Every structure is written in C-alpha cells, then in structure tokens.
Amino acid sequence: MSVPAKGEFCRIAASSATVRAKPRKDAAALGTAYKGDMCTAHGWAEGKDAWVKVTIKRIGITGYVHSSLVAWSNEELTHTGQ
C-alpha cells in the first residue's frame, strides 16, 4: 500500500464512508462522504496505517476515513456533468 503524499488528491471509492473524528471505527462520526466525493489526503494516522486523514471537499470536513474506502489519484478529477 503506497503512502499518500500530503495534499494528494483522492476520492471515495465505496458507496459511502463515515468521516470520523479519530482513526478508529468507534470514534464520533463527523459526516458522511459518498462515492465519487473528492478529497485531499493529509497522510496516514500515526500508528494506524489502515486510516488516512482527509478533507472531503463537498462537505468541508476533515477527519479520518478507512483506507479501503479511498482511491488515490495524482491529479484532481473533474466532474463532467454526465
């Protein structure tokens, strides 16, 4: 698994992903991101390589999402409206 660079673009690959306050499944939910939502990676949660800290652009929330729910991209995708 590659390590996302700070500021690397990503998107939610699962149908939905809960953005959490801390890098664990039982942490408080901050919001929900949906498939295709763009995000910016801030790196792996320290000591918790299964969680990545991201900012979800659509809802403006920064928190932790399980890495299995995220797809990585070198450049920001553009929505075409189709």
PDB file of N, CA and C in Angstrom:
ATOM      1  N   MET A   1       0.853  -1.171   0.000  1.00  0.00           N
ATOM      2  CA  MET A   1       0.000   0.000   0.000  1.00  0.00           C
ATOM      3  C   MET A   1       0.901   1.236   0.000  1.00  0.00           C
ATOM      4  N   SER A   2       0.702   2.104  -0.982  1.00  0.00           N
ATOM      5  CA  SER A   2       1.526   3.308  -1.032  1.00  0.00           C
ATOM      6  C   SER A   2       1.018   4.337  -0.035  1.00  0.00           C
ATOM      7  N   VAL A   3       1.922   5.173   0.399  1.00  0.00           N
ATOM      8  CA  VAL A   3       1.586   6.214   1.359  1.00  0.00           C
ATOM      9  C   VAL A   3       1.211   7.477   0.603  1.00  0.00           C
ATOM     10  N   PRO A   4       0.029   8.035   0.864  1.00  0.00           N
ATOM     11  CA  PRO A   4      -0.351   9.241   0.148  1.00  0.00           C
ATOM     12  C   PRO A   4       0.525  10.418   0.575  1.00  0.00           C
ATOM     13  N   ALA A   5       0.918  11.210  -0.396  1.00  0.00           N
ATOM     14  CA  ALA A   5       1.678  12.415  -0.084  1.00  0.00           C
ATOM     15  C   ALA A   5       0.721  13.469   0.449  1.00  0.00           C
ATOM     16  N   LYS A   6       1.217  14.325   1.312  1.00  0.00           N
ATOM     17  CA  LYS A   6       0.384  15.403   1.837  1.00  0.00           C
ATOM     18  C   LYS A   6      -0.124  16.226   0.661  1.00  0.00           C
ATOM     19  N   GLY A   7      -1.410  16.448   0.632  1.00  0.00           N
ATOM     20  CA  GLY A   7      -2.020  17.223  -0.443  1.00  0.00           C
ATOM     21  C   GLY A   7      -2.400  16.407  -1.663  1.00  0.00           C
ATOM     22  N   GLU A   8      -2.160  15.097  -1.631  1.00  0.00           N
ATOM     23  CA  GLU A   8      -2.513  14.250  -2.774  1.00  0.00           C
ATOM     24  C   GLU A   8      -4.036  14.162  -2.900  1.00  0.00           C
ATOM     25  N   PHE A   9      -4.506  14.190  -4.138  1.00  0.00           N
ATOM     26  CA  PHE A   9      -5.940  14.089  -4.381  1.00  0.00           C
ATOM     27  C   PHE A   9      -6.398  12.647  -4.226  1.00  0.00           C
ATOM     28  N   CYS A  10      -7.617  12.489  -3.740  1.00  0.00           N
ATOM     29  CA  CYS A  10      -8.209  11.172  -3.603  1.00  0.00           C
ATOM     30  C   CYS A  10      -9.712  11.314  -3.825  1.00  0.00           C
ATOM     31  N   ARG A  11     -10.379  10.173  -3.854  1.00  0.00           N
ATOM     32  CA  ARG A  11     -11.841  10.172  -3.961  1.00  0.00           C
ATOM     33  C   ARG A  11     -12.364   8.983  -3.190  1.00  0.00           C
ATOM     34  N   ILE A  12     -13.615   9.094  -2.801  1.00  0.00           N
ATOM     35  CA  ILE A  12     -14.256   7.989  -2.081  1.00  0.00           C
ATOM     36  C   ILE A  12     -14.648   6.934  -3.114  1.00  0.00           C
ATOM     37  N   ALA A  13     -14.205   5.707  -2.889  1.00  0.00           N
ATOM     38  CA  ALA A  13     -14.448   4.614  -3.830  1.00  0.00           C
ATOM     39  C   ALA A  13     -15.629   3.744  -3.410  1.00  0.00           C
ATOM     40  N   ALA A  14     -15.995   3.773  -2.144  1.00  0.00           N
ATOM     41  CA  ALA A  14     -17.114   2.969  -1.641  1.00  0.00           C
ATOM     42  C   ALA A  14     -18.423   3.736  -1.831  1.00  0.00           C
ATOM     43  N   SER A  15     -19.547   3.063  -1.681  1.00  0.00           N
ATOM     44  CA  SER A  15     -20.839   3.736  -1.835  1.00  0.00           C
ATOM     45  C   SER A  15     -21.001   4.864  -0.822  1.00  0.00           C
ATOM     46  N   SER A  16     -20.419   4.687   0.369  1.00  0.00           N
ATOM     47  CA  SER A  16     -20.382   5.754   1.370  1.00  0.00           C
ATOM     48  C   SER A  16     -19.245   5.481   2.344  1.00  0.00           C
ATOM     49  N   ALA A  17     -18.814   6.538   3.017  1.00  0.00           N
ATOM     50  CA  ALA A  17     -17.746   6.415   4.006  1.00  0.00           C
ATOM     51  C   ALA A  17     -18.025   7.388   5.136  1.00  0.00           C
ATOM     52  N   THR A  18     -17.939   6.904   6.353  1.00  0.00           N
ATOM     53  CA  THR A  18     -18.115   7.770   7.507  1.00  0.00           C
ATOM     54  C   THR A  18     -16.785   8.453   7.807  1.00  0.00           C
ATOM     55  N   VAL A  19     -16.829   9.778   7.899  1.00  0.00           N
ATOM     56  CA  VAL A  19     -15.645  10.553   8.266  1.00  0.00           C
ATOM     57  C   VAL A  19     -15.655  10.637   9.789  1.00  0.00           C
ATOM     58  N   ARG A  20     -14.577  10.159  10.419  1.00  0.00           N
ATOM     59  CA  ARG A  20     -14.538  10.054  11.877  1.00  0.00           C
ATOM     60  C   ARG A  20     -13.561  11.046  12.503  1.00  0.00           C
ATOM     61  N   ALA A  21     -13.838  11.397  13.755  1.00  0.00           N
ATOM     62  CA  ALA A  21     -13.015  12.360  14.488  1.00  0.00           C
ATOM     63  C   ALA A  21     -11.637  11.800  14.823  1.00  0.00           C
ATOM     64  N   LYS A  22     -11.549  10.491  15.003  1.00  0.00           N
ATOM     65  CA  LYS A  22     -10.292   9.819  15.333  1.00  0.00           C
ATOM     66  C   LYS A  22     -10.167   8.580  14.463  1.00  0.00           C
ATOM     67  N   PRO A  23      -8.949   8.061  14.305  1.00  0.00           N
ATOM     68  CA  PRO A  23      -8.740   6.918  13.412  1.00  0.00           C
ATOM     69  C   PRO A  23      -9.128   5.572  14.018  1.00  0.00           C
ATOM     70  N   ARG A  24     -10.410   5.430  14.305  1.00  0.00           N
ATOM     71  CA  ARG A  24     -10.923   4.150  14.787  1.00  0.00           C
ATOM     72  C   ARG A  24     -12.429   4.075  14.519  1.00  0.00           C
ATOM     73  N   LYS A  25     -12.906   2.862  14.379  1.00  0.00           N
ATOM     74  CA  LYS A  25     -14.296   2.626  13.985  1.00  0.00           C
ATOM     75  C   LYS A  25     -15.312   3.152  14.991  1.00  0.00           C
ATOM     76  N   ASP A  26     -14.961   3.187  16.263  1.00  0.00           N
ATOM     77  CA  ASP A  26     -15.916   3.632  17.277  1.00  0.00           C
ATOM     78  C   ASP A  26     -15.814   5.128  17.597  1.00  0.00           C
ATOM     79  N   ALA A  27     -15.008   5.868  16.839  1.00  0.00           N
ATOM     80  CA  ALA A  27     -14.876   7.318  17.059  1.00  0.00           C
ATOM     81  C   ALA A  27     -16.123   8.039  16.551  1.00  0.00           C
ATOM     82  N   ALA A  28     -16.348   9.235  17.066  1.00  0.00           N
ATOM     83  CA  ALA A  28     -17.512  10.034  16.671  1.00  0.00           C
ATOM     84  C   ALA A  28     -17.517  10.296  15.173  1.00  0.00           C
ATOM     85  N   ALA A  29     -18.697  10.187  14.580  1.00  0.00           N
ATOM     86  CA  ALA A  29     -18.860  10.477  13.156  1.00  0.00           C
ATOM     87  C   ALA A  29     -18.990  11.985  12.960  1.00  0.00           C
ATOM     88  N   LEU A  30     -18.212  12.515  12.006  1.00  0.00           N
ATOM     89  CA  LEU A  30     -18.276  13.939  11.680  1.00  0.00           C
ATOM     90  C   LEU A  30     -19.191  14.213  10.494  1.00  0.00           C
ATOM     91  N   GLY A  31     -19.376  13.205   9.656  1.00  0.00           N
ATOM     92  CA  GLY A  31     -20.198  13.352   8.466  1.00  0.00           C
ATOM     93  C   GLY A  31     -20.048  12.132   7.583  1.00  0.00           C
ATOM     94  N   THR A  32     -20.748  12.142   6.463  1.00  0.00           N
ATOM     95  CA  THR A  32     -20.706  11.024   5.522  1.00  0.00           C
ATOM     96  C   THR A  32     -20.278  11.523   4.157  1.00  0.00           C
ATOM     97  N   ALA A  33     -19.334  10.817   3.549  1.00  0.00           N
ATOM     98  CA  ALA A  33     -18.908  11.087   2.182  1.00  0.00           C
ATOM     99  C   ALA A  33     -19.475   9.979   1.302  1.00  0.00           C
ATOM    100  N   TYR A  34     -19.721  10.303   0.046  1.00  0.00           N
ATOM    101  CA  TYR A  34     -20.321   9.339  -0.873  1.00  0.00           C
ATOM    102  C   TYR A  34     -19.418   9.064  -2.056  1.00  0.00           C
ATOM    103  N   LYS A  35     -19.684   7.939  -2.722  1.00  0.00           N
ATOM    104  CA  LYS A  35     -18.866   7.504  -3.854  1.00  0.00           C
ATOM    105  C   LYS A  35     -18.648   8.659  -4.825  1.00  0.00           C
ATOM    106  N   GLY A  36     -17.381   8.876  -5.170  1.00  0.00           N
ATOM    107  CA  GLY A  36     -17.018   9.925  -6.110  1.00  0.00           C
ATOM    108  C   GLY A  36     -16.670  11.252  -5.461  1.00  0.00           C
ATOM    109  N   ASP A  37     -16.995  11.426  -4.167  1.00  0.00           N
ATOM    110  CA  ASP A  37     -16.620  12.669  -3.479  1.00  0.00           C
ATOM    111  C   ASP A  37     -15.101  12.819  -3.523  1.00  0.00           C
ATOM    112  N   MET A  38     -14.639  14.004  -3.890  1.00  0.00           N
ATOM    113  CA  MET A  38     -13.212  14.291  -3.941  1.00  0.00           C
ATOM    114  C   MET A  38     -12.704  14.631  -2.551  1.00  0.00           C
ATOM    115  N   CYS A  39     -11.443  14.286  -2.308  1.00  0.00           N
ATOM    116  CA  CYS A  39     -10.830  14.601  -1.027  1.00  0.00           C
ATOM    117  C   CYS A  39      -9.359  14.935  -1.230  1.00  0.00           C
ATOM    118  N   THR A  40      -8.799  15.515  -0.206  1.00  0.00           N
ATOM    119  CA  THR A  40      -7.363  15.785  -0.170  1.00  0.00           C
ATOM    120  C   THR A  40      -6.782  15.009   1.003  1.00  0.00           C
ATOM    121  N   ALA A  41      -5.728  14.229   0.744  1.00  0.00           N
ATOM    122  CA  ALA A  41      -5.100  13.424   1.791  1.00  0.00           C
ATOM    123  C   ALA A  41      -4.128  14.270   2.595  1.00  0.00           C
ATOM    124  N   HIS A  42      -4.088  14.003   3.892  1.00  0.00           N
ATOM    125  CA  HIS A  42      -3.146  14.666   4.790  1.00  0.00           C
ATOM    126  C   HIS A  42      -2.162  13.663   5.384  1.00  0.00           C
ATOM    127  N   GLY A  43      -2.232  12.403   4.939  1.00  0.00           N
ATOM    128  CA  GLY A  43      -1.310  11.364   5.392  1.00  0.00           C
ATOM    129  C   GLY A  43      -1.993  10.326   6.270  1.00  0.00           C
ATOM    130  N   TRP A  44      -1.223   9.318   6.612  1.00  0.00           N
ATOM    131  CA  TRP A  44      -1.729   8.229   7.436  1.00  0.00           C
ATOM    132  C   TRP A  44      -1.849   8.664   8.879  1.00  0.00           C
ATOM    133  N   ALA A  45      -2.817   8.106   9.568  1.00  0.00           N
ATOM    134  CA  ALA A  45      -2.947   8.333  11.007  1.00  0.00           C
ATOM    135  C   ALA A  45      -1.738   7.677  11.674  1.00  0.00           C
ATOM    136  N   GLU A  46      -1.095   8.383  12.546  1.00  0.00           N
ATOM    137  CA  GLU A  46       0.117   7.878  13.183  1.00  0.00           C
ATOM    138  C   GLU A  46      -0.169   6.580  13.925  1.00  0.00           C
ATOM    139  N   GLY A  47       0.581   5.543  13.559  1.00  0.00           N
ATOM    140  CA  GLY A  47       0.440   4.248  14.207  1.00  0.00           C
ATOM    141  C   GLY A  47      -0.798   3.468  13.763  1.00  0.00           C
ATOM    142  N   LYS A  48      -1.576   4.019  12.878  1.00  0.00           N
ATOM    143  CA  LYS A  48      -2.813   3.374  12.426  1.00  0.00           C
ATOM    144  C   LYS A  48      -2.827   3.384  10.900  1.00  0.00           C
ATOM    145  N   ASP A  49      -2.036   2.508  10.258  1.00  0.00           N
ATOM    146  CA  ASP A  49      -1.866   2.593   8.810  1.00  0.00           C
ATOM    147  C   ASP A  49      -3.106   2.241   8.004  1.00  0.00           C
ATOM    148  N   ALA A  50      -4.170   1.787   8.642  1.00  0.00           N
ATOM    149  CA  ALA A  50      -5.401   1.490   7.907  1.00  0.00           C
ATOM    150  C   ALA A  50      -6.289   2.726   7.758  1.00  0.00           C
ATOM    151  N   TRP A  51      -5.950   3.817   8.447  1.00  0.00           N
ATOM    152  CA  TRP A  51      -6.759   5.036   8.414  1.00  0.00           C
ATOM    153  C   TRP A  51      -5.958   6.176   7.806  1.00  0.00           C
ATOM    154  N   VAL A  52      -6.639   6.995   7.023  1.00  0.00           N
ATOM    155  CA  VAL A  52      -5.992   8.145   6.407  1.00  0.00           C
ATOM    156  C   VAL A  52      -6.776   9.405   6.774  1.00  0.00           C
ATOM    157  N   LYS A  53      -6.048  10.477   7.034  1.00  0.00           N
ATOM    158  CA  LYS A  53      -6.688  11.756   7.355  1.00  0.00           C
ATOM    159  C   LYS A  53      -6.944  12.485   6.041  1.00  0.00           C
ATOM    160  N   VAL A  54      -8.189  12.889   5.828  1.00  0.00           N
ATOM    161  CA  VAL A  54      -8.577  13.544   4.581  1.00  0.00           C
ATOM    162  C   VAL A  54      -9.497  14.732   4.854  1.00  0.00           C
ATOM    163  N   THR A  55      -9.568  15.610   3.877  1.00  0.00           N
ATOM    164  CA  THR A  55     -10.593  16.654   3.860  1.00  0.00           C
ATOM    165  C   THR A  55     -11.517  16.326   2.703  1.00  0.00           C
ATOM    166  N   ILE A  56     -12.799  16.171   3.003  1.00  0.00           N
ATOM    167  CA  ILE A  56     -13.805  15.904   1.977  1.00  0.00           C
ATOM    168  C   ILE A  56     -14.256  17.258   1.430  1.00  0.00           C
ATOM    169  N   LYS A  57     -13.996  17.487   0.165  1.00  0.00           N
ATOM    170  CA  LYS A  57     -14.240  18.814  -0.419  1.00  0.00           C
ATOM    171  C   LYS A  57     -15.705  19.217  -0.423  1.00  0.00           C
ATOM    172  N   ARG A  58     -16.601  18.298  -0.768  1.00  0.00           N
ATOM    173  CA  ARG A  58     -18.021  18.634  -0.895  1.00  0.00           C
ATOM    174  C   ARG A  58     -18.622  19.150   0.399  1.00  0.00           C
ATOM    175  N   ILE A  59     -18.210  18.576   1.533  1.00  0.00           N
ATOM    176  CA  ILE A  59     -18.806  18.963   2.810  1.00  0.00           C
ATOM    177  C   ILE A  59     -17.845  19.748   3.702  1.00  0.00           C
ATOM    178  N   GLY A  60     -16.590  19.885   3.270  1.00  0.00           N
ATOM    179  CA  GLY A  60     -15.630  20.695   4.006  1.00  0.00           C
ATOM    180  C   GLY A  60     -15.237  20.147   5.366  1.00  0.00           C
ATOM    181  N   ILE A  61     -15.279  18.845   5.522  1.00  0.00           N
ATOM    182  CA  ILE A  61     -14.950  18.212   6.805  1.00  0.00           C
ATOM    183  C   ILE A  61     -13.593  17.517   6.698  1.00  0.00           C
ATOM    184  N   THR A  62     -12.780  17.694   7.727  1.00  0.00           N
ATOM    185  CA  THR A  62     -11.507  16.987   7.817  1.00  0.00           C
ATOM    186  C   THR A  62     -11.607  15.964   8.937  1.00  0.00           C
ATOM    187  N   GLY A  63     -11.247  14.730   8.614  1.00  0.00           N
ATOM    188  CA  GLY A  63     -11.290  13.659   9.591  1.00  0.00           C
ATOM    189  C   GLY A  63     -10.648  12.414   9.020  1.00  0.00           C
ATOM    190  N   TYR A  64     -10.953  11.291   9.609  1.00  0.00           N
ATOM    191  CA  TYR A  64     -10.323  10.032   9.236  1.00  0.00           C
ATOM    192  C   TYR A  64     -11.313   9.108   8.525  1.00  0.00           C
ATOM    193  N   VAL A  65     -10.806   8.471   7.458  1.00  0.00           N
ATOM    194  CA  VAL A  65     -11.588   7.503   6.688  1.00  0.00           C
ATOM    195  C   VAL A  65     -10.725   6.255   6.552  1.00  0.00           C
ATOM    196  N   HIS A  66     -11.359   5.095   6.625  1.00  0.00           N
ATOM    197  CA  HIS A  66     -10.605   3.862   6.452  1.00  0.00           C
ATOM    198  C   HIS A  66     -10.046   3.817   5.030  1.00  0.00           C
ATOM    199  N   SER A  67      -8.783   3.447   4.905  1.00  0.00           N
ATOM    200  CA  SER A  67      -8.106   3.489   3.605  1.00  0.00           C
ATOM    201  C   SER A  67      -8.737   2.581   2.551  1.00  0.00           C
ATOM    202  N   SER A  68      -9.435   1.544   2.960  1.00  0.00           N
ATOM    203  CA  SER A  68     -10.072   0.641   1.991  1.00  0.00           C
ATOM    204  C   SER A  68     -11.217   1.326   1.243  1.00  0.00           C
ATOM    205  N   LEU A  69     -11.649   2.483   1.718  1.00  0.00           N
ATOM    206  CA  LEU A  69     -12.763   3.204   1.112  1.00  0.00           C
ATOM    207  C   LEU A  69     -12.302   4.338   0.194  1.00  0.00           C
ATOM    208  N   VAL A  70     -10.975   4.487   0.049  1.00  0.00           N
ATOM    209  CA  VAL A  70     -10.403   5.625  -0.673  1.00  0.00           C
ATOM    210  C   VAL A  70      -9.622   5.152  -1.891  1.00  0.00           C
ATOM    211  N   ALA A  71      -9.752   5.874  -3.014  1.00  0.00           N
ATOM    212  CA  ALA A  71      -8.949   5.636  -4.213  1.00  0.00           C
ATOM    213  C   ALA A  71      -8.029   6.835  -4.406  1.00  0.00           C
ATOM    214  N   TRP A  72      -6.799   6.570  -4.843  1.00  0.00           N
ATOM    215  CA  TRP A  72      -5.796   7.627  -4.965  1.00  0.00           C
ATOM    216  C   TRP A  72      -5.652   8.089  -6.395  1.00  0.00           C
ATOM    217  N   SER A  73      -5.330   9.355  -6.558  1.00  0.00           N
ATOM    218  CA  SER A  73      -5.172   9.955  -7.876  1.00  0.00           C
ATOM    219  C   SER A  73      -4.056  10.981  -7.824  1.00  0.00           C
ATOM    220  N   ASN A  74      -3.306  11.112  -8.902  1.00  0.00           N
ATOM    221  CA  ASN A  74      -2.237  12.105  -8.959  1.00  0.00           C
ATOM    222  C   ASN A  74      -2.741  13.487  -9.335  1.00  0.00           C
ATOM    223  N   GLU A  75      -3.937  13.547  -9.859  1.00  0.00           N
ATOM    224  CA  GLU A  75      -4.489  14.847 -10.210  1.00  0.00           C
ATOM    225  C   GLU A  75      -5.982  14.855  -9.899  1.00  0.00           C
ATOM    226  N   GLU A  76      -6.523  16.011  -9.692  1.00  0.00           N
ATOM    227  CA  GLU A  76      -7.929  16.134  -9.334  1.00  0.00           C
ATOM    228  C   GLU A  76      -8.797  15.774 -10.532  1.00  0.00           C
ATOM    229  N   LEU A  77      -9.816  14.969 -10.283  1.00  0.00           N
ATOM    230  CA  LEU A  77     -10.760  14.615 -11.336  1.00  0.00           C
ATOM    231  C   LEU A  77     -11.763  15.749 -11.501  1.00  0.00           C
ATOM    232  N   THR A  78     -12.234  15.915 -12.708  1.00  0.00           N
ATOM    233  CA  THR A  78     -13.215  16.958 -12.990  1.00  0.00           C
ATOM    234  C   THR A  78     -14.554  16.325 -13.312  1.00  0.00           C
ATOM    235  N   HIS A  79     -15.599  16.776 -12.674  1.00  0.00           N
ATOM    236  CA  HIS A  79     -16.940  16.278 -12.934  1.00  0.00           C
ATOM    237  C   HIS A  79     -17.435  16.858 -14.244  1.00  0.00           C
ATOM    238  N   THR A  80     -17.887  16.011 -15.147  1.00  0.00           N
ATOM    239  CA  THR A  80     -18.308  16.469 -16.470  1.00  0.00           C
ATOM    240  C   THR A  80     -19.792  16.741 -16.553  1.00  0.00           C
ATOM    241  N   GLY A  81     -20.544  16.367 -15.534  1.00  0.00           N
ATOM    242  CA  GLY A  81     -21.986  16.579 -15.557  1.00  0.00           C
ATOM    243  C   GLY A  81     -22.736  15.513 -16.308  1.00  0.00           C
ATOM    244  N   GLN A  82     -22.064  14.459 -16.699  1.00  0.00           N
ATOM    245  CA  GLN A  82     -22.734  13.377 -17.433  1.00  0.00           C
ATOM    246  C   GLN A  82     -23.024  12.212 -16.539  1.00  0.00           C
TER     247      GLN A  82
END
